[in-house]
Amino acid sequence: MRADNLTIKIKSDKPLIVLSVDEYESMKETIELLTHYPDLLKELKEERKQINKGKSITLNSYKAKYKKR
């Protein structure tokens, strides 16, 4: 049986949300990351601004500069 043909009936007085396992796992990982690194979202937004301003380097440039393989 394919999952897209599955019908589930649930009696509940409260609203329910149905997510794929992948979406659920992704949400759990995001929550865990944000719990351990509360400034992460702010830092990512700032990094995105820098990239949009052209202030970034390629991976090859990074490797050359820091002698990484």
PDB file of N, CA and C in Angstrom:
ATOM      1  N   MET A   1       0.840  -1.187   0.000  1.00  0.00           N
ATOM      2  CA  MET A   1       0.000   0.000   0.000  1.00  0.00           C
ATOM      3  C   MET A   1       0.881   1.244   0.000  1.00  0.00           C
ATOM      4  N   ARG A   2       0.596   2.169  -0.878  1.00  0.00           N
ATOM      5  CA  ARG A   2       1.343   3.422  -0.935  1.00  0.00           C
ATOM      6  C   ARG A   2       0.811   4.387   0.115  1.00  0.00           C
ATOM      7  N   ALA A   3       1.711   5.163   0.711  1.00  0.00           N
ATOM      8  CA  ALA A   3       1.339   6.093   1.772  1.00  0.00           C
ATOM      9  C   ALA A   3       0.367   7.161   1.288  1.00  0.00           C
ATOM     10  N   ASP A   4       0.447   7.564   0.021  1.00  0.00           N
ATOM     11  CA  ASP A   4      -0.450   8.617  -0.459  1.00  0.00           C
ATOM     12  C   ASP A   4      -1.878   8.127  -0.657  1.00  0.00           C
ATOM     13  N   ASN A   5      -2.108   6.826  -0.560  1.00  0.00           N
ATOM     14  CA  ASN A   5      -3.451   6.273  -0.680  1.00  0.00           C
ATOM     15  C   ASN A   5      -4.027   5.872   0.670  1.00  0.00           C
ATOM     16  N   LEU A   6      -3.344   6.185   1.731  1.00  0.00           N
ATOM     17  CA  LEU A   6      -3.752   5.774   3.061  1.00  0.00           C
ATOM     18  C   LEU A   6      -4.724   6.779   3.662  1.00  0.00           C
ATOM     19  N   THR A   7      -5.812   6.287   4.225  1.00  0.00           N
ATOM     20  CA  THR A   7      -6.772   7.137   4.912  1.00  0.00           C
ATOM     21  C   THR A   7      -6.728   6.805   6.395  1.00  0.00           C
ATOM     22  N   ILE A   8      -6.637   7.845   7.209  1.00  0.00           N
ATOM     23  CA  ILE A   8      -6.587   7.659   8.660  1.00  0.00           C
ATOM     24  C   ILE A   8      -7.740   8.447   9.266  1.00  0.00           C
ATOM     25  N   LYS A   9      -8.503   7.801  10.128  1.00  0.00           N
ATOM     26  CA  LYS A   9      -9.582   8.488  10.826  1.00  0.00           C
ATOM     27  C   LYS A   9      -9.241   8.520  12.305  1.00  0.00           C
ATOM     28  N   ILE A  10      -9.271   9.731  12.860  1.00  0.00           N
ATOM     29  CA  ILE A  10      -8.929   9.897  14.271  1.00  0.00           C
ATOM     30  C   ILE A  10     -10.012  10.750  14.915  1.00  0.00           C
ATOM     31  N   LYS A  11     -10.515  10.273  16.027  1.00  0.00           N
ATOM     32  CA  LYS A  11     -11.470  11.074  16.782  1.00  0.00           C
ATOM     33  C   LYS A  11     -10.690  11.877  17.803  1.00  0.00           C
ATOM     34  N   SER A  12     -10.853  13.188  17.747  1.00  0.00           N
ATOM     35  CA  SER A  12     -10.137  14.048  18.672  1.00  0.00           C
ATOM     36  C   SER A  12     -10.906  15.349  18.848  1.00  0.00           C
ATOM     37  N   ASP A  13     -10.879  15.871  20.060  1.00  0.00           N
ATOM     38  CA  ASP A  13     -11.508  17.160  20.325  1.00  0.00           C
ATOM     39  C   ASP A  13     -10.555  18.313  20.001  1.00  0.00           C
ATOM     40  N   LYS A  14      -9.293  17.984  19.802  1.00  0.00           N
ATOM     41  CA  LYS A  14      -8.276  19.003  19.542  1.00  0.00           C
ATOM     42  C   LYS A  14      -7.800  18.896  18.100  1.00  0.00           C
ATOM     43  N   PRO A  15      -7.378  20.024  17.524  1.00  0.00           N
ATOM     44  CA  PRO A  15      -6.838  19.983  16.157  1.00  0.00           C
ATOM     45  C   PRO A  15      -5.572  19.115  16.098  1.00  0.00           C
ATOM     46  N   LEU A  16      -5.376  18.461  14.998  1.00  0.00           N
ATOM     47  CA  LEU A  16      -4.200  17.618  14.785  1.00  0.00           C
ATOM     48  C   LEU A  16      -3.428  18.102  13.571  1.00  0.00           C
ATOM     49  N   ILE A  17      -2.140  17.810  13.581  1.00  0.00           N
ATOM     50  CA  ILE A  17      -1.289  18.098  12.435  1.00  0.00           C
ATOM     51  C   ILE A  17      -0.626  16.799  12.022  1.00  0.00           C
ATOM     52  N   VAL A  18      -0.621  16.526  10.742  1.00  0.00           N
ATOM     53  CA  VAL A  18       0.029  15.329  10.220  1.00  0.00           C
ATOM     54  C   VAL A  18       1.235  15.775   9.407  1.00  0.00           C
ATOM     55  N   LEU A  19       2.402  15.248   9.773  1.00  0.00           N
ATOM     56  CA  LEU A  19       3.652  15.576   9.086  1.00  0.00           C
ATOM     57  C   LEU A  19       4.318  14.293   8.615  1.00  0.00           C
ATOM     58  N   SER A  20       5.116  14.429   7.583  1.00  0.00           N
ATOM     59  CA  SER A  20       5.932  13.285   7.192  1.00  0.00           C
ATOM     60  C   SER A  20       7.016  13.095   8.249  1.00  0.00           C
ATOM     61  N   VAL A  21       7.563  11.913   8.323  1.00  0.00           N
ATOM     62  CA  VAL A  21       8.638  11.640   9.281  1.00  0.00           C
ATOM     63  C   VAL A  21       9.824  12.557   8.996  1.00  0.00           C
ATOM     64  N   ASP A  22      10.133  12.779   7.728  1.00  0.00           N
ATOM     65  CA  ASP A  22      11.248  13.662   7.369  1.00  0.00           C
ATOM     66  C   ASP A  22      11.030  15.080   7.886  1.00  0.00           C
ATOM     67  N   GLU A  23       9.817  15.601   7.698  1.00  0.00           N
ATOM     68  CA  GLU A  23       9.527  16.948   8.185  1.00  0.00           C
ATOM     69  C   GLU A  23       9.617  17.019   9.704  1.00  0.00           C
ATOM     70  N   TYR A  24       9.090  16.001  10.376  1.00  0.00           N
ATOM     71  CA  TYR A  24       9.131  15.955  11.834  1.00  0.00           C
ATOM     72  C   TYR A  24      10.571  15.916  12.340  1.00  0.00           C
ATOM     73  N   GLU A  25      11.406  15.071  11.749  1.00  0.00           N
ATOM     74  CA  GLU A  25      12.806  14.963  12.158  1.00  0.00           C
ATOM     75  C   GLU A  25      13.540  16.279  11.910  1.00  0.00           C
ATOM     76  N   SER A  26      13.251  16.920  10.787  1.00  0.00           N
ATOM     77  CA  SER A  26      13.872  18.198  10.480  1.00  0.00           C
ATOM     78  C   SER A  26      13.493  19.255  11.516  1.00  0.00           C
ATOM     79  N   MET A  27      12.237  19.282  11.900  1.00  0.00           N
ATOM     80  CA  MET A  27      11.787  20.232  12.921  1.00  0.00           C
ATOM     81  C   MET A  27      12.467  19.974  14.263  1.00  0.00           C
ATOM     82  N   LYS A  28      12.595  18.710  14.627  1.00  0.00           N
ATOM     83  CA  LYS A  28      13.268  18.362  15.887  1.00  0.00           C
ATOM     84  C   LYS A  28      14.722  18.820  15.866  1.00  0.00           C
ATOM     85  N   GLU A  29      15.409  18.602  14.751  1.00  0.00           N
ATOM     86  CA  GLU A  29      16.808  19.021  14.629  1.00  0.00           C
ATOM     87  C   GLU A  29      16.934  20.539  14.722  1.00  0.00           C
ATOM     88  N   THR A  30      16.028  21.247  14.071  1.00  0.00           N
ATOM     89  CA  THR A  30      16.052  22.707  14.115  1.00  0.00           C
ATOM     90  C   THR A  30      15.848  23.209  15.538  1.00  0.00           C
ATOM     91  N   ILE A  31      14.891  22.650  16.234  1.00  0.00           N
ATOM     92  CA  ILE A  31      14.630  23.044  17.624  1.00  0.00           C
ATOM     93  C   ILE A  31      15.847  22.759  18.493  1.00  0.00           C
ATOM     94  N   GLU A  32      16.468  21.610  18.298  1.00  0.00           N
ATOM     95  CA  GLU A  32      17.651  21.267  19.091  1.00  0.00           C
ATOM     96  C   GLU A  32      18.802  22.247  18.817  1.00  0.00           C
ATOM     97  N   LEU A  33      19.027  22.549  17.553  1.00  0.00           N
ATOM     98  CA  LEU A  33      20.086  23.503  17.208  1.00  0.00           C
ATOM     99  C   LEU A  33      19.828  24.871  17.829  1.00  0.00           C
ATOM    100  N   LEU A  34      18.599  25.356  17.703  1.00  0.00           N
ATOM    101  CA  LEU A  34      18.273  26.675  18.243  1.00  0.00           C
ATOM    102  C   LEU A  34      18.308  26.694  19.766  1.00  0.00           C
ATOM    103  N   THR A  35      18.067  25.550  20.393  1.00  0.00           N
ATOM    104  CA  THR A  35      18.156  25.458  21.853  1.00  0.00           C
ATOM    105  C   THR A  35      19.605  25.588  22.304  1.00  0.00           C
ATOM    106  N   HIS A  36      20.507  24.921  21.590  1.00  0.00           N
ATOM    107  CA  HIS A  36      21.928  24.946  21.961  1.00  0.00           C
ATOM    108  C   HIS A  36      22.635  26.220  21.500  1.00  0.00           C
ATOM    109  N   TYR A  37      22.148  26.806  20.413  1.00  0.00           N
ATOM    110  CA  TYR A  37      22.769  27.994  19.842  1.00  0.00           C
ATOM    111  C   TYR A  37      21.693  29.062  19.613  1.00  0.00           C
ATOM    112  N   PRO A  38      21.247  29.739  20.678  1.00  0.00           N
ATOM    113  CA  PRO A  38      20.129  30.673  20.557  1.00  0.00           C
ATOM    114  C   PRO A  38      20.377  31.842  19.598  1.00  0.00           C
ATOM    115  N   ASP A  39      21.628  32.200  19.335  1.00  0.00           N
ATOM    116  CA  ASP A  39      21.929  33.306  18.422  1.00  0.00           C
ATOM    117  C   ASP A  39      22.124  32.851  16.981  1.00  0.00           C
ATOM    118  N   LEU A  40      21.943  31.570  16.715  1.00  0.00           N
ATOM    119  CA  LEU A  40      22.220  31.016  15.393  1.00  0.00           C
ATOM    120  C   LEU A  40      21.415  31.696  14.294  1.00  0.00           C
ATOM    121  N   LEU A  41      20.134  31.888  14.497  1.00  0.00           N
ATOM    122  CA  LEU A  41      19.298  32.496  13.468  1.00  0.00           C
ATOM    123  C   LEU A  41      19.767  33.910  13.155  1.00  0.00           C
ATOM    124  N   LYS A  42      20.085  34.675  14.192  1.00  0.00           N
ATOM    125  CA  LYS A  42      20.585  36.034  14.004  1.00  0.00           C
ATOM    126  C   LYS A  42      21.904  36.018  13.227  1.00  0.00           C
ATOM    127  N   GLU A  43      22.805  35.107  13.588  1.00  0.00           N
ATOM    128  CA  GLU A  43      24.096  35.000  12.911  1.00  0.00           C
ATOM    129  C   GLU A  43      23.920  34.604  11.443  1.00  0.00           C
ATOM    130  N   LEU A  44      23.022  33.668  11.174  1.00  0.00           N
ATOM    131  CA  LEU A  44      22.780  33.245   9.793  1.00  0.00           C
ATOM    132  C   LEU A  44      22.224  34.391   8.950  1.00  0.00           C
ATOM    133  N   LYS A  45      21.310  35.177   9.528  1.00  0.00           N
ATOM    134  CA  LYS A  45      20.765  36.331   8.801  1.00  0.00           C
ATOM    135  C   LYS A  45      21.863  37.344   8.491  1.00  0.00           C
ATOM    136  N   GLU A  46      22.756  37.576   9.455  1.00  0.00           N
ATOM    137  CA  GLU A  46      23.859  38.514   9.238  1.00  0.00           C
ATOM    138  C   GLU A  46      24.805  37.983   8.160  1.00  0.00           C
ATOM    139  N   GLU A  47      25.104  36.689   8.197  1.00  0.00           N
ATOM    140  CA  GLU A  47      25.965  36.091   7.173  1.00  0.00           C
ATOM    141  C   GLU A  47      25.329  36.202   5.794  1.00  0.00           C
ATOM    142  N   ARG A  48      24.025  36.016   5.712  1.00  0.00           N
ATOM    143  CA  ARG A  48      23.319  36.129   4.433  1.00  0.00           C
ATOM    144  C   ARG A  48      23.457  37.559   3.888  1.00  0.00           C
ATOM    145  N   LYS A  49      23.353  38.562   4.773  1.00  0.00           N
ATOM    146  CA  LYS A  49      23.530  39.956   4.349  1.00  0.00           C
ATOM    147  C   LYS A  49      24.934  40.164   3.771  1.00  0.00           C
ATOM    148  N   GLN A  50      25.948  39.599   4.439  1.00  0.00           N
ATOM    149  CA  GLN A  50      27.318  39.739   3.963  1.00  0.00           C
ATOM    150  C   GLN A  50      27.499  39.086   2.596  1.00  0.00           C
ATOM    151  N   ILE A  51      26.910  37.922   2.421  1.00  0.00           N
ATOM    152  CA  ILE A  51      26.998  37.227   1.130  1.00  0.00           C
ATOM    153  C   ILE A  51      26.323  38.062   0.046  1.00  0.00           C
ATOM    154  N   ASN A  52      25.145  38.609   0.355  1.00  0.00           N
ATOM    155  CA  ASN A  52      24.430  39.427  -0.625  1.00  0.00           C
ATOM    156  C   ASN A  52      25.205  40.688  -0.990  1.00  0.00           C
ATOM    157  N   LYS A  53      26.061  41.168  -0.102  1.00  0.00           N
ATOM    158  CA  LYS A  53      26.907  42.337  -0.379  1.00  0.00           C
ATOM    159  C   LYS A  53      28.173  41.945  -1.132  1.00  0.00           C
ATOM    160  N   GLY A  54      28.327  40.642  -1.398  1.00  0.00           N
ATOM    161  CA  GLY A  54      29.507  40.178  -2.114  1.00  0.00           C
ATOM    162  C   GLY A  54      30.700  39.931  -1.218  1.00  0.00           C
ATOM    163  N   LYS A  55      30.481  39.922   0.070  1.00  0.00           N
ATOM    164  CA  LYS A  55      31.576  39.715   1.021  1.00  0.00           C
ATOM    165  C   LYS A  55      31.663  38.237   1.386  1.00  0.00           C
ATOM    166  N   SER A  56      32.160  37.463   0.456  1.00  0.00           N
ATOM    167  CA  SER A  56      32.341  36.032   0.683  1.00  0.00           C
ATOM    168  C   SER A  56      33.516  35.552  -0.171  1.00  0.00           C
ATOM    169  N   ILE A  57      33.968  34.345   0.099  1.00  0.00           N
ATOM    170  CA  ILE A  57      35.039  33.760  -0.702  1.00  0.00           C
ATOM    171  C   ILE A  57      34.605  32.367  -1.135  1.00  0.00           C
ATOM    172  N   THR A  58      35.237  31.876  -2.179  1.00  0.00           N
ATOM    173  CA  THR A  58      34.922  30.535  -2.657  1.00  0.00           C
ATOM    174  C   THR A  58      35.573  29.505  -1.737  1.00  0.00           C
ATOM    175  N   LEU A  59      35.119  28.281  -1.834  1.00  0.00           N
ATOM    176  CA  LEU A  59      35.699  27.203  -1.047  1.00  0.00           C
ATOM    177  C   LEU A  59      37.177  27.026  -1.392  1.00  0.00           C
ATOM    178  N   ASN A  60      37.511  27.097  -2.668  1.00  0.00           N
ATOM    179  CA  ASN A  60      38.912  26.951  -3.081  1.00  0.00           C
ATOM    180  C   ASN A  60      39.785  28.060  -2.508  1.00  0.00           C
ATOM    181  N   SER A  61      39.262  29.291  -2.484  1.00  0.00           N
ATOM    182  CA  SER A  61      40.013  30.405  -1.895  1.00  0.00           C
ATOM    183  C   SER A  61      40.220  30.194  -0.407  1.00  0.00           C
ATOM    184  N   TYR A  62      39.179  29.705   0.250  1.00  0.00           N
ATOM    185  CA  TYR A  62      39.277  29.418   1.684  1.00  0.00           C
ATOM    186  C   TYR A  62      40.354  28.373   1.950  1.00  0.00           C
ATOM    187  N   LYS A  63      40.322  27.293   1.161  1.00  0.00           N
ATOM    188  CA  LYS A  63      41.305  26.218   1.336  1.00  0.00           C
ATOM    189  C   LYS A  63      42.718  26.737   1.111  1.00  0.00           C
ATOM    190  N   ALA A  64      42.890  27.567   0.088  1.00  0.00           N
ATOM    191  CA  ALA A  64      44.212  28.112  -0.193  1.00  0.00           C
ATOM    192  C   ALA A  64      44.669  29.023   0.925  1.00  0.00           C
ATOM    193  N   LYS A  65      43.787  29.861   1.399  1.00  0.00           N
ATOM    194  CA  LYS A  65      44.131  30.819   2.450  1.00  0.00           C
ATOM    195  C   LYS A  65      44.477  30.123   3.765  1.00  0.00           C
ATOM    196  N   TYR A  66      43.698  29.092   4.104  1.00  0.00           N
ATOM    197  CA  TYR A  66      43.887  28.409   5.388  1.00  0.00           C
ATOM    198  C   TYR A  66      44.560  27.052   5.245  1.00  0.00           C
ATOM    199  N   LYS A  67      45.041  26.768   4.042  1.00  0.00           N
ATOM    200  CA  LYS A  67      45.780  25.535   3.739  1.00  0.00           C
ATOM    201  C   LYS A  67      45.024  24.272   4.165  1.00  0.00           C
ATOM    202  N   LYS A  68      43.741  24.235   3.829  1.00  0.00           N
ATOM    203  CA  LYS A  68      42.903  23.067   4.110  1.00  0.00           C
ATOM    204  C   LYS A  68      42.844  22.198   2.869  1.00  0.00           C
ATOM    205  N   ARG A  69      42.707  20.932   3.060  1.00  0.00           N
ATOM    206  CA  ARG A  69      42.604  20.006   1.926  1.00  0.00           C
ATOM    207  C   ARG A  69      41.188  19.666   1.630  1.00  0.00           C
TER     208      ARG A  69
END
